[in-house]
């Protein structure tokens, strides 16, 4: 977990600057998490 935070947070920061990061609550039932992801992705314009 420590390594993930150390190595990945800077990468997320780069993408956050591009305005394309969607933080999703990964707690709870698998289906609920999936639903939250698709709700977030619904607003994403596709290239």
ModelCIF file with pLDDT and N, C-alpha, C, O atoms, coordinates in Angstrom:
data_MODEL
#
_entry.id   MODEL 
#
_entity.id                         1 
_entity.type                       polymer 
_entity.pdbx_number_of_molecules   1 
#
_entity_poly.entity_id                      1 
_entity_poly.type                           'polypeptide(L)' 
_entity_poly.nstd_linkage                   no 
_entity_poly.nstd_monomer                   no 
_entity_poly.pdbx_seq_one_letter_code       
;(UNK)(UNK)(UNK)(UNK)(UNK)(UNK)(UNK)(UNK)(UNK)(UNK)(UNK)(UNK)(UNK)(UNK)(UNK)(UNK)
(UNK)(UNK)(UNK)(UNK)(UNK)(UNK)(UNK)(UNK)(UNK)(UNK)(UNK)(UNK)(UNK)(UNK)(UNK)(UNK)
(UNK)(UNK)(UNK)(UNK)(UNK)(UNK)(UNK)(UNK)(UNK)(UNK)(UNK)(UNK)(UNK)(UNK)(UNK)
;
_entity_poly.pdbx_seq_one_letter_code_can   XXXXXXXXXXXXXXXXXXXXXXXXXXXXXXXXXXXXXXXXXXXXXXX 
_entity_poly.pdbx_strand_id                 A 
#
loop_
_entity_poly_seq.entity_id 
_entity_poly_seq.num 
_entity_poly_seq.mon_id 
_entity_poly_seq.hetero 
1 1  UNK n 
1 2  UNK n 
1 3  UNK n 
1 4  UNK n 
1 5  UNK n 
1 6  UNK n 
1 7  UNK n 
1 8  UNK n 
1 9  UNK n 
1 10 UNK n 
1 11 UNK n 
1 12 UNK n 
1 13 UNK n 
1 14 UNK n 
1 15 UNK n 
1 16 UNK n 
1 17 UNK n 
1 18 UNK n 
1 19 UNK n 
1 20 UNK n 
1 21 UNK n 
1 22 UNK n 
1 23 UNK n 
1 24 UNK n 
1 25 UNK n 
1 26 UNK n 
1 27 UNK n 
1 28 UNK n 
1 29 UNK n 
1 30 UNK n 
1 31 UNK n 
1 32 UNK n 
1 33 UNK n 
1 34 UNK n 
1 35 UNK n 
1 36 UNK n 
1 37 UNK n 
1 38 UNK n 
1 39 UNK n 
1 40 UNK n 
1 41 UNK n 
1 42 UNK n 
1 43 UNK n 
1 44 UNK n 
1 45 UNK n 
1 46 UNK n 
1 47 UNK n 
#
_struct_asym.id          A 
_struct_asym.entity_id   1 
#
loop_
_ma_qa_metric.id 
_ma_qa_metric.mode 
_ma_qa_metric.name 
_ma_qa_metric.software_group_id 
_ma_qa_metric.type 
1 global pLDDT . pLDDT 
2 local  pLDDT . pLDDT 
#
_ma_qa_metric_global.metric_id      1 
_ma_qa_metric_global.metric_value   90.40 
_ma_qa_metric_global.model_id       1 
_ma_qa_metric_global.ordinal_id     1 
#
loop_
_ma_qa_metric_local.label_asym_id 
_ma_qa_metric_local.label_comp_id 
_ma_qa_metric_local.label_seq_id 
_ma_qa_metric_local.metric_id 
_ma_qa_metric_local.metric_value 
_ma_qa_metric_local.model_id 
_ma_qa_metric_local.ordinal_id 
A UNK 1  2 86.00 1 1  
A UNK 2  2 87.00 1 2  
A UNK 3  2 82.00 1 3  
A UNK 4  2 86.00 1 4  
A UNK 5  2 86.00 1 5  
A UNK 6  2 86.00 1 6  
A UNK 7  2 85.00 1 7  
A UNK 8  2 86.00 1 8  
A UNK 9  2 84.00 1 9  
A UNK 10 2 91.00 1 10 
A UNK 11 2 94.00 1 11 
A UNK 12 2 95.00 1 12 
A UNK 13 2 94.00 1 13 
A UNK 14 2 95.00 1 14 
A UNK 15 2 96.00 1 15 
A UNK 16 2 96.00 1 16 
A UNK 17 2 95.00 1 17 
A UNK 18 2 92.00 1 18 
A UNK 19 2 93.00 1 19 
A UNK 20 2 95.00 1 20 
A UNK 21 2 96.00 1 21 
A UNK 22 2 96.00 1 22 
A UNK 23 2 96.00 1 23 
A UNK 24 2 97.00 1 24 
A UNK 25 2 96.00 1 25 
A UNK 26 2 95.00 1 26 
A UNK 27 2 94.00 1 27 
A UNK 28 2 92.00 1 28 
A UNK 29 2 94.00 1 29 
A UNK 30 2 95.00 1 30 
A UNK 31 2 97.00 1 31 
A UNK 32 2 97.00 1 32 
A UNK 33 2 97.00 1 33 
A UNK 34 2 97.00 1 34 
A UNK 35 2 97.00 1 35 
A UNK 36 2 97.00 1 36 
A UNK 37 2 97.00 1 37 
A UNK 38 2 95.00 1 38 
A UNK 39 2 95.00 1 39 
A UNK 40 2 94.00 1 40 
A UNK 41 2 92.00 1 41 
A UNK 42 2 90.00 1 42 
A UNK 43 2 83.00 1 43 
A UNK 44 2 80.00 1 44 
A UNK 45 2 70.00 1 45 
A UNK 46 2 60.00 1 46 
A UNK 47 2 56.00 1 47 
#
loop_
_atom_site.group_PDB 
_atom_site.id 
_atom_site.type_symbol 
_atom_site.label_atom_id 
_atom_site.label_alt_id 
_atom_site.label_comp_id 
_atom_site.label_asym_id 
_atom_site.label_entity_id 
_atom_site.label_seq_id 
_atom_site.pdbx_PDB_ins_code 
_atom_site.Cartn_x 
_atom_site.Cartn_y 
_atom_site.Cartn_z 
_atom_site.occupancy 
_atom_site.B_iso_or_equiv 
_atom_site.pdbx_formal_charge 
_atom_site.auth_seq_id 
_atom_site.auth_comp_id 
_atom_site.auth_asym_id 
_atom_site.auth_atom_id 
_atom_site.pdbx_PDB_model_num 
ATOM 1   N N  . UNK A 1 1  ? 0.836   -1.205 0.000   1.00 86.00 ? 1  UNK A N  1 
ATOM 2   C CA . UNK A 1 1  ? 0.000   0.000  0.000   1.00 86.00 ? 1  UNK A CA 1 
ATOM 3   C C  . UNK A 1 1  ? 0.867   1.251  0.000   1.00 86.00 ? 1  UNK A C  1 
ATOM 4   O O  . UNK A 1 1  ? 0.579   2.208  -0.718  1.00 86.00 ? 1  UNK A O  1 
ATOM 5   N N  . UNK A 1 2  ? 1.931   1.247  0.803   1.00 87.00 ? 2  UNK A N  1 
ATOM 6   C CA . UNK A 1 2  ? 2.836   2.401  0.867   1.00 87.00 ? 2  UNK A CA 1 
ATOM 7   C C  . UNK A 1 2  ? 3.483   2.634  -0.500  1.00 87.00 ? 2  UNK A C  1 
ATOM 8   O O  . UNK A 1 2  ? 3.553   3.767  -0.975  1.00 87.00 ? 2  UNK A O  1 
ATOM 9   N N  . UNK A 1 3  ? 3.954   1.558  -1.124  1.00 82.00 ? 3  UNK A N  1 
ATOM 10  C CA . UNK A 1 3  ? 4.603   1.667  -2.430  1.00 82.00 ? 3  UNK A CA 1 
ATOM 11  C C  . UNK A 1 3  ? 3.610   2.207  -3.460  1.00 82.00 ? 3  UNK A C  1 
ATOM 12  O O  . UNK A 1 3  ? 3.952   3.067  -4.272  1.00 82.00 ? 3  UNK A O  1 
ATOM 13  N N  . UNK A 1 4  ? 2.394   1.700  -3.420  1.00 86.00 ? 4  UNK A N  1 
ATOM 14  C CA . UNK A 1 4  ? 1.365   2.179  -4.350  1.00 86.00 ? 4  UNK A CA 1 
ATOM 15  C C  . UNK A 1 4  ? 1.175   3.688  -4.191  1.00 86.00 ? 4  UNK A C  1 
ATOM 16  O O  . UNK A 1 4  ? 1.170   4.426  -5.176  1.00 86.00 ? 4  UNK A O  1 
ATOM 17  N N  . UNK A 1 5  ? 1.020   4.136  -2.951  1.00 86.00 ? 5  UNK A N  1 
ATOM 18  C CA . UNK A 1 5  ? 0.806   5.572  -2.715  1.00 86.00 ? 5  UNK A CA 1 
ATOM 19  C C  . UNK A 1 5  ? 1.998   6.407  -3.170  1.00 86.00 ? 5  UNK A C  1 
ATOM 20  O O  . UNK A 1 5  ? 1.829   7.462  -3.781  1.00 86.00 ? 5  UNK A O  1 
ATOM 21  N N  . UNK A 1 6  ? 3.193   5.932  -2.871  1.00 86.00 ? 6  UNK A N  1 
ATOM 22  C CA . UNK A 1 6  ? 4.406   6.663  -3.254  1.00 86.00 ? 6  UNK A CA 1 
ATOM 23  C C  . UNK A 1 6  ? 4.546   6.762  -4.768  1.00 86.00 ? 6  UNK A C  1 
ATOM 24  O O  . UNK A 1 6  ? 4.883   7.821  -5.296  1.00 86.00 ? 6  UNK A O  1 
ATOM 25  N N  . UNK A 1 7  ? 4.287   5.662  -5.465  1.00 85.00 ? 7  UNK A N  1 
ATOM 26  C CA . UNK A 1 7  ? 4.554   5.610  -6.901  1.00 85.00 ? 7  UNK A CA 1 
ATOM 27  C C  . UNK A 1 7  ? 3.390   6.082  -7.755  1.00 85.00 ? 7  UNK A C  1 
ATOM 28  O O  . UNK A 1 7  ? 3.596   6.628  -8.839  1.00 85.00 ? 7  UNK A O  1 
ATOM 29  N N  . UNK A 1 8  ? 2.179   5.879  -7.279  1.00 86.00 ? 8  UNK A N  1 
ATOM 30  C CA . UNK A 1 8  ? 1.022   6.136  -8.126  1.00 86.00 ? 8  UNK A CA 1 
ATOM 31  C C  . UNK A 1 8  ? 0.458   7.536  -7.948  1.00 86.00 ? 8  UNK A C  1 
ATOM 32  O O  . UNK A 1 8  ? -0.039  8.119  -8.912  1.00 86.00 ? 8  UNK A O  1 
ATOM 33  N N  . UNK A 1 9  ? 0.518   8.081  -6.772  1.00 84.00 ? 9  UNK A N  1 
ATOM 34  C CA . UNK A 1 9  ? -0.062  9.405  -6.537  1.00 84.00 ? 9  UNK A CA 1 
ATOM 35  C C  . UNK A 1 9  ? 0.475   10.460 -7.514  1.00 84.00 ? 9  UNK A C  1 
ATOM 36  O O  . UNK A 1 9  ? -0.312  11.263 -8.016  1.00 84.00 ? 9  UNK A O  1 
ATOM 37  N N  . UNK A 1 10 ? 1.787   10.490 -7.803  1.00 91.00 ? 10 UNK A N  1 
ATOM 38  C CA . UNK A 1 10 ? 2.267   11.470 -8.773  1.00 91.00 ? 10 UNK A CA 1 
ATOM 39  C C  . UNK A 1 10 ? 1.646   11.278 -10.168 1.00 91.00 ? 10 UNK A C  1 
ATOM 40  O O  . UNK A 1 10 ? 1.422   12.253 -10.885 1.00 91.00 ? 10 UNK A O  1 
ATOM 41  N N  . UNK A 1 11 ? 1.373   10.038 -10.545 1.00 94.00 ? 11 UNK A N  1 
ATOM 42  C CA . UNK A 1 11 ? 0.777   9.760  -11.853 1.00 94.00 ? 11 UNK A CA 1 
ATOM 43  C C  . UNK A 1 11 ? -0.660  10.262 -11.897 1.00 94.00 ? 11 UNK A C  1 
ATOM 44  O O  . UNK A 1 11 ? -1.092  10.872 -12.875 1.00 94.00 ? 11 UNK A O  1 
ATOM 45  N N  . UNK A 1 12 ? -1.389  9.994  -10.819 1.00 95.00 ? 12 UNK A N  1 
ATOM 46  C CA . UNK A 1 12 ? -2.775  10.458 -10.749 1.00 95.00 ? 12 UNK A CA 1 
ATOM 47  C C  . UNK A 1 12 ? -2.798  11.983 -10.825 1.00 95.00 ? 12 UNK A C  1 
ATOM 48  O O  . UNK A 1 12 ? -3.686  12.566 -11.447 1.00 95.00 ? 12 UNK A O  1 
ATOM 49  N N  . UNK A 1 13 ? -1.812  12.630 -10.187 1.00 94.00 ? 13 UNK A N  1 
ATOM 50  C CA . UNK A 1 13 ? -1.714  14.087 -10.229 1.00 94.00 ? 13 UNK A CA 1 
ATOM 51  C C  . UNK A 1 13 ? -1.566  14.609 -11.653 1.00 94.00 ? 13 UNK A C  1 
ATOM 52  O O  . UNK A 1 13 ? -2.171  15.621 -12.006 1.00 94.00 ? 13 UNK A O  1 
ATOM 53  N N  . UNK A 1 14 ? -0.772  13.932 -12.468 1.00 95.00 ? 14 UNK A N  1 
ATOM 54  C CA . UNK A 1 14 ? -0.595  14.337 -13.870 1.00 95.00 ? 14 UNK A CA 1 
ATOM 55  C C  . UNK A 1 14 ? -1.935  14.270 -14.597 1.00 95.00 ? 14 UNK A C  1 
ATOM 56  O O  . UNK A 1 14 ? -2.310  15.204 -15.305 1.00 95.00 ? 14 UNK A O  1 
ATOM 57  N N  . UNK A 1 15 ? -2.652  13.168 -14.420 1.00 96.00 ? 15 UNK A N  1 
ATOM 58  C CA . UNK A 1 15 ? -3.931  13.011 -15.106 1.00 96.00 ? 15 UNK A CA 1 
ATOM 59  C C  . UNK A 1 15 ? -4.994  13.950 -14.530 1.00 96.00 ? 15 UNK A C  1 
ATOM 60  O O  . UNK A 1 15 ? -5.897  14.382 -15.246 1.00 96.00 ? 15 UNK A O  1 
ATOM 61  N N  . UNK A 1 16 ? -4.888  14.258 -13.257 1.00 96.00 ? 16 UNK A N  1 
ATOM 62  C CA . UNK A 1 16 ? -5.815  15.208 -12.636 1.00 96.00 ? 16 UNK A CA 1 
ATOM 63  C C  . UNK A 1 16 ? -5.668  16.574 -13.308 1.00 96.00 ? 16 UNK A C  1 
ATOM 64  O O  . UNK A 1 16 ? -6.660  17.268 -13.531 1.00 96.00 ? 16 UNK A O  1 
ATOM 65  N N  . UNK A 1 17 ? -4.429  16.959 -13.632 1.00 95.00 ? 17 UNK A N  1 
ATOM 66  C CA . UNK A 1 17 ? -4.186  18.229 -14.331 1.00 95.00 ? 17 UNK A CA 1 
ATOM 67  C C  . UNK A 1 17 ? -4.872  18.252 -15.697 1.00 95.00 ? 17 UNK A C  1 
ATOM 68  O O  . UNK A 1 17 ? -5.242  19.316 -16.194 1.00 95.00 ? 17 UNK A O  1 
ATOM 69  N N  . UNK A 1 18 ? -5.040  17.075 -16.301 1.00 92.00 ? 18 UNK A N  1 
ATOM 70  C CA . UNK A 1 18 ? -5.715  16.974 -17.602 1.00 92.00 ? 18 UNK A CA 1 
ATOM 71  C C  . UNK A 1 18 ? -7.242  16.918 -17.448 1.00 92.00 ? 18 UNK A C  1 
ATOM 72  O O  . UNK A 1 18 ? -7.975  16.938 -18.437 1.00 92.00 ? 18 UNK A O  1 
ATOM 73  N N  . UNK A 1 19 ? -7.706  16.848 -16.201 1.00 93.00 ? 19 UNK A N  1 
ATOM 74  C CA . UNK A 1 19 ? -9.146  16.841 -15.945 1.00 93.00 ? 19 UNK A CA 1 
ATOM 75  C C  . UNK A 1 19 ? -9.853  15.556 -16.314 1.00 93.00 ? 19 UNK A C  1 
ATOM 76  O O  . UNK A 1 19 ? -11.044 15.571 -16.626 1.00 93.00 ? 19 UNK A O  1 
ATOM 77  N N  . UNK A 1 20 ? -9.127  14.426 -16.284 1.00 95.00 ? 20 UNK A N  1 
ATOM 78  C CA . UNK A 1 20 ? -9.757  13.164 -16.708 1.00 95.00 ? 20 UNK A CA 1 
ATOM 79  C C  . UNK A 1 20 ? -9.810  12.120 -15.579 1.00 95.00 ? 20 UNK A C  1 
ATOM 80  O O  . UNK A 1 20 ? -10.088 10.949 -15.839 1.00 95.00 ? 20 UNK A O  1 
ATOM 81  N N  . UNK A 1 21 ? -9.547  12.532 -14.336 1.00 96.00 ? 21 UNK A N  1 
ATOM 82  C CA . UNK A 1 21 ? -9.560  11.590 -13.210 1.00 96.00 ? 21 UNK A CA 1 
ATOM 83  C C  . UNK A 1 21 ? -10.954 11.527 -12.587 1.00 96.00 ? 21 UNK A C  1 
ATOM 84  O O  . UNK A 1 21 ? -11.582 12.550 -12.315 1.00 96.00 ? 21 UNK A O  1 
ATOM 85  N N  . UNK A 1 22 ? -11.411 10.312 -12.374 1.00 96.00 ? 22 UNK A N  1 
ATOM 86  C CA . UNK A 1 22 ? -12.678 10.063 -11.700 1.00 96.00 ? 22 UNK A CA 1 
ATOM 87  C C  . UNK A 1 22 ? -12.395 9.166  -10.503 1.00 96.00 ? 22 UNK A C  1 
ATOM 88  O O  . UNK A 1 22 ? -12.115 7.977  -10.661 1.00 96.00 ? 22 UNK A O  1 
ATOM 89  N N  . UNK A 1 23 ? -12.470 9.738  -9.308  1.00 96.00 ? 23 UNK A N  1 
ATOM 90  C CA . UNK A 1 23 ? -12.264 8.945  -8.100  1.00 96.00 ? 23 UNK A CA 1 
ATOM 91  C C  . UNK A 1 23 ? -13.575 8.281  -7.724  1.00 96.00 ? 23 UNK A C  1 
ATOM 92  O O  . UNK A 1 23 ? -14.601 8.944  -7.570  1.00 96.00 ? 23 UNK A O  1 
ATOM 93  N N  . UNK A 1 24 ? -13.530 6.975  -7.580  1.00 97.00 ? 24 UNK A N  1 
ATOM 94  C CA . UNK A 1 24 ? -14.718 6.172  -7.324  1.00 97.00 ? 24 UNK A CA 1 
ATOM 95  C C  . UNK A 1 24 ? -14.560 5.471  -5.981  1.00 97.00 ? 24 UNK A C  1 
ATOM 96  O O  . UNK A 1 24 ? -13.524 4.867  -5.701  1.00 97.00 ? 24 UNK A O  1 
ATOM 97  N N  . UNK A 1 25 ? -15.588 5.556  -5.162  1.00 96.00 ? 25 UNK A N  1 
ATOM 98  C CA . UNK A 1 25 ? -15.609 4.853  -3.880  1.00 96.00 ? 25 UNK A CA 1 
ATOM 99  C C  . UNK A 1 25 ? -15.655 3.351  -4.178  1.00 96.00 ? 25 UNK A C  1 
ATOM 100 O O  . UNK A 1 25 ? -16.641 2.843  -4.713  1.00 96.00 ? 25 UNK A O  1 
ATOM 101 N N  . UNK A 1 26 ? -14.580 2.655  -3.824  1.00 95.00 ? 26 UNK A N  1 
ATOM 102 C CA . UNK A 1 26 ? -14.478 1.229  -4.088  1.00 95.00 ? 26 UNK A CA 1 
ATOM 103 C C  . UNK A 1 26 ? -14.970 0.360  -2.943  1.00 95.00 ? 26 UNK A C  1 
ATOM 104 O O  . UNK A 1 26 ? -14.772 -0.855 -2.954  1.00 95.00 ? 26 UNK A O  1 
ATOM 105 N N  . UNK A 1 27 ? -15.612 0.978  -1.951  1.00 94.00 ? 27 UNK A N  1 
ATOM 106 C CA . UNK A 1 27 ? -16.132 0.228  -0.801  1.00 94.00 ? 27 UNK A CA 1 
ATOM 107 C C  . UNK A 1 27 ? -17.530 -0.292 -1.125  1.00 94.00 ? 27 UNK A C  1 
ATOM 108 O O  . UNK A 1 27 ? -18.268 0.321  -1.897  1.00 94.00 ? 27 UNK A O  1 
ATOM 109 N N  . UNK A 1 28 ? -17.880 -1.426 -0.529  1.00 92.00 ? 28 UNK A N  1 
ATOM 110 C CA . UNK A 1 28 ? -19.229 -1.962 -0.681  1.00 92.00 ? 28 UNK A CA 1 
ATOM 111 C C  . UNK A 1 28 ? -19.284 -3.121 -1.646  1.00 92.00 ? 28 UNK A C  1 
ATOM 112 O O  . UNK A 1 28 ? -18.268 -3.713 -2.011  1.00 92.00 ? 28 UNK A O  1 
ATOM 113 N N  . UNK A 1 29 ? -20.496 -3.423 -2.044  1.00 94.00 ? 29 UNK A N  1 
ATOM 114 C CA . UNK A 1 29 ? -20.735 -4.548 -2.941  1.00 94.00 ? 29 UNK A CA 1 
ATOM 115 C C  . UNK A 1 29 ? -20.145 -4.278 -4.328  1.00 94.00 ? 29 UNK A C  1 
ATOM 116 O O  . UNK A 1 29 ? -20.131 -3.139 -4.794  1.00 94.00 ? 29 UNK A O  1 
ATOM 117 N N  . UNK A 1 30 ? -19.666 -5.322 -4.971  1.00 95.00 ? 30 UNK A N  1 
ATOM 118 C CA . UNK A 1 30 ? -19.040 -5.214 -6.286  1.00 95.00 ? 30 UNK A CA 1 
ATOM 119 C C  . UNK A 1 30 ? -19.976 -4.540 -7.290  1.00 95.00 ? 30 UNK A C  1 
ATOM 120 O O  . UNK A 1 30 ? -19.549 -3.670 -8.048  1.00 95.00 ? 30 UNK A O  1 
ATOM 121 N N  . UNK A 1 31 ? -21.252 -4.939 -7.298  1.00 97.00 ? 31 UNK A N  1 
ATOM 122 C CA . UNK A 1 31 ? -22.210 -4.354 -8.241  1.00 97.00 ? 31 UNK A CA 1 
ATOM 123 C C  . UNK A 1 31 ? -22.394 -2.858 -7.997  1.00 97.00 ? 31 UNK A C  1 
ATOM 124 O O  . UNK A 1 31 ? -22.542 -2.086 -8.944  1.00 97.00 ? 31 UNK A O  1 
ATOM 125 N N  . UNK A 1 32 ? -22.385 -2.448 -6.728  1.00 97.00 ? 32 UNK A N  1 
ATOM 126 C CA . UNK A 1 32 ? -22.541 -1.027 -6.400  1.00 97.00 ? 32 UNK A CA 1 
ATOM 127 C C  . UNK A 1 32 ? -21.348 -0.217 -6.899  1.00 97.00 ? 32 UNK A C  1 
ATOM 128 O O  . UNK A 1 32 ? -21.512 0.896  -7.398  1.00 97.00 ? 32 UNK A O  1 
ATOM 129 N N  . UNK A 1 33 ? -20.146 -0.779 -6.762  1.00 97.00 ? 33 UNK A N  1 
ATOM 130 C CA . UNK A 1 33 ? -18.936 -0.099 -7.244  1.00 97.00 ? 33 UNK A CA 1 
ATOM 131 C C  . UNK A 1 33 ? -18.998 0.028  -8.768  1.00 97.00 ? 33 UNK A C  1 
ATOM 132 O O  . UNK A 1 33 ? -18.688 1.086  -9.316  1.00 97.00 ? 33 UNK A O  1 
ATOM 133 N N  . UNK A 1 34 ? -19.397 -1.042 -9.445  1.00 97.00 ? 34 UNK A N  1 
ATOM 134 C CA . UNK A 1 34 ? -19.524 -1.014 -10.899 1.00 97.00 ? 34 UNK A CA 1 
ATOM 135 C C  . UNK A 1 34 ? -20.505 0.073  -11.327 1.00 97.00 ? 34 UNK A C  1 
ATOM 136 O O  . UNK A 1 34 ? -20.241 0.821  -12.268 1.00 97.00 ? 34 UNK A O  1 
ATOM 137 N N  . UNK A 1 35 ? -21.625 0.155  -10.640 1.00 97.00 ? 35 UNK A N  1 
ATOM 138 C CA . UNK A 1 35 ? -22.636 1.166  -10.961 1.00 97.00 ? 35 UNK A CA 1 
ATOM 139 C C  . UNK A 1 35 ? -22.060 2.574  -10.810 1.00 97.00 ? 35 UNK A C  1 
ATOM 140 O O  . UNK A 1 35 ? -22.301 3.437  -11.654 1.00 97.00 ? 35 UNK A O  1 
ATOM 141 N N  . UNK A 1 36 ? -21.298 2.808  -9.731  1.00 97.00 ? 36 UNK A N  1 
ATOM 142 C CA . UNK A 1 36 ? -20.695 4.134  -9.522  1.00 97.00 ? 36 UNK A CA 1 
ATOM 143 C C  . UNK A 1 36 ? -19.710 4.470  -10.644 1.00 97.00 ? 36 UNK A C  1 
ATOM 144 O O  . UNK A 1 36 ? -19.640 5.614  -11.093 1.00 97.00 ? 36 UNK A O  1 
ATOM 145 N N  . UNK A 1 37 ? -18.954 3.471  -11.089 1.00 97.00 ? 37 UNK A N  1 
ATOM 146 C CA . UNK A 1 37 ? -17.996 3.703  -12.179 1.00 97.00 ? 37 UNK A CA 1 
ATOM 147 C C  . UNK A 1 37 ? -18.727 4.117  -13.448 1.00 97.00 ? 37 UNK A C  1 
ATOM 148 O O  . UNK A 1 37 ? -18.345 5.096  -14.089 1.00 97.00 ? 37 UNK A O  1 
ATOM 149 N N  . UNK A 1 38 ? -19.769 3.388  -13.816 1.00 95.00 ? 38 UNK A N  1 
ATOM 150 C CA . UNK A 1 38 ? -20.479 3.701  -15.057 1.00 95.00 ? 38 UNK A CA 1 
ATOM 151 C C  . UNK A 1 38 ? -21.211 5.034  -14.971 1.00 95.00 ? 38 UNK A C  1 
ATOM 152 O O  . UNK A 1 38 ? -21.331 5.740  -15.972 1.00 95.00 ? 38 UNK A O  1 
ATOM 153 N N  . UNK A 1 39 ? -21.697 5.381  -13.798 1.00 95.00 ? 39 UNK A N  1 
ATOM 154 C CA . UNK A 1 39 ? -22.332 6.699  -13.638 1.00 95.00 ? 39 UNK A CA 1 
ATOM 155 C C  . UNK A 1 39 ? -21.309 7.798  -13.893 1.00 95.00 ? 39 UNK A C  1 
ATOM 156 O O  . UNK A 1 39 ? -21.626 8.805  -14.527 1.00 95.00 ? 39 UNK A O  1 
ATOM 157 N N  . UNK A 1 40 ? -20.084 7.613  -13.405 1.00 94.00 ? 40 UNK A N  1 
ATOM 158 C CA . UNK A 1 40 ? -19.024 8.609  -13.632 1.00 94.00 ? 40 UNK A CA 1 
ATOM 159 C C  . UNK A 1 40 ? -18.633 8.650  -15.102 1.00 94.00 ? 40 UNK A C  1 
ATOM 160 O O  . UNK A 1 40 ? -18.443 9.728  -15.665 1.00 94.00 ? 40 UNK A O  1 
ATOM 161 N N  . UNK A 1 41 ? -18.511 7.486  -15.724 1.00 92.00 ? 41 UNK A N  1 
ATOM 162 C CA . UNK A 1 41 ? -18.075 7.435  -17.125 1.00 92.00 ? 41 UNK A CA 1 
ATOM 163 C C  . UNK A 1 41 ? -19.131 7.946  -18.101 1.00 92.00 ? 41 UNK A C  1 
ATOM 164 O O  . UNK A 1 41 ? -18.804 8.300  -19.234 1.00 92.00 ? 41 UNK A O  1 
ATOM 165 N N  . UNK A 1 42 ? -20.386 7.987  -17.676 1.00 90.00 ? 42 UNK A N  1 
ATOM 166 C CA . UNK A 1 42 ? -21.451 8.493  -18.541 1.00 90.00 ? 42 UNK A CA 1 
ATOM 167 C C  . UNK A 1 42 ? -21.206 9.922  -19.002 1.00 90.00 ? 42 UNK A C  1 
ATOM 168 O O  . UNK A 1 42 ? -21.699 10.324 -20.057 1.00 90.00 ? 42 UNK A O  1 
ATOM 169 N N  . UNK A 1 43 ? -20.453 10.693 -18.228 1.00 83.00 ? 43 UNK A N  1 
ATOM 170 C CA . UNK A 1 43 ? -20.225 12.105 -18.586 1.00 83.00 ? 43 UNK A CA 1 
ATOM 171 C C  . UNK A 1 43 ? -18.959 12.308 -19.410 1.00 83.00 ? 43 UNK A C  1 
ATOM 172 O O  . UNK A 1 43 ? -18.641 13.434 -19.791 1.00 83.00 ? 43 UNK A O  1 
ATOM 173 N N  . UNK A 1 44 ? -18.243 11.237 -19.684 1.00 80.00 ? 44 UNK A N  1 
ATOM 174 C CA . UNK A 1 44 ? -16.973 11.336 -20.397 1.00 80.00 ? 44 UNK A CA 1 
ATOM 175 C C  . UNK A 1 44 ? -17.213 11.405 -21.903 1.00 80.00 ? 44 UNK A C  1 
ATOM 176 O O  . UNK A 1 44 ? -17.788 10.485 -22.484 1.00 80.00 ? 44 UNK A O  1 
ATOM 177 N N  . UNK A 1 45 ? -16.771 12.506 -22.542 1.00 70.00 ? 45 UNK A N  1 
ATOM 178 C CA . UNK A 1 45 ? -16.864 12.530 -24.006 1.00 70.00 ? 45 UNK A CA 1 
ATOM 179 C C  . UNK A 1 45 ? -15.856 11.529 -24.578 1.00 70.00 ? 45 UNK A C  1 
ATOM 180 O O  . UNK A 1 45 ? -14.720 11.456 -24.108 1.00 70.00 ? 45 UNK A O  1 
ATOM 181 N N  . UNK A 1 46 ? -16.257 10.778 -25.564 1.00 60.00 ? 46 UNK A N  1 
ATOM 182 C CA . UNK A 1 46 ? -15.356 9.763  -26.118 1.00 60.00 ? 46 UNK A CA 1 
ATOM 183 C C  . UNK A 1 46 ? -14.619 10.325 -27.311 1.00 60.00 ? 46 UNK A C  1 
ATOM 184 O O  . UNK A 1 46 ? -15.182 11.053 -28.130 1.00 60.00 ? 46 UNK A O  1 
ATOM 185 N N  . UNK A 1 47 ? -13.337 9.970  -27.395 1.00 56.00 ? 47 UNK A N  1 
ATOM 186 C CA . UNK A 1 47 ? -12.502 10.476 -28.493 1.00 56.00 ? 47 UNK A CA 1 
ATOM 187 C C  . UNK A 1 47 ? -12.666 9.646  -29.736 1.00 56.00 ? 47 UNK A C  1 
ATOM 188 O O  . UNK A 1 47 ? -12.037 9.929  -30.756 1.00 56.00 ? 47 UNK A O  1 
#
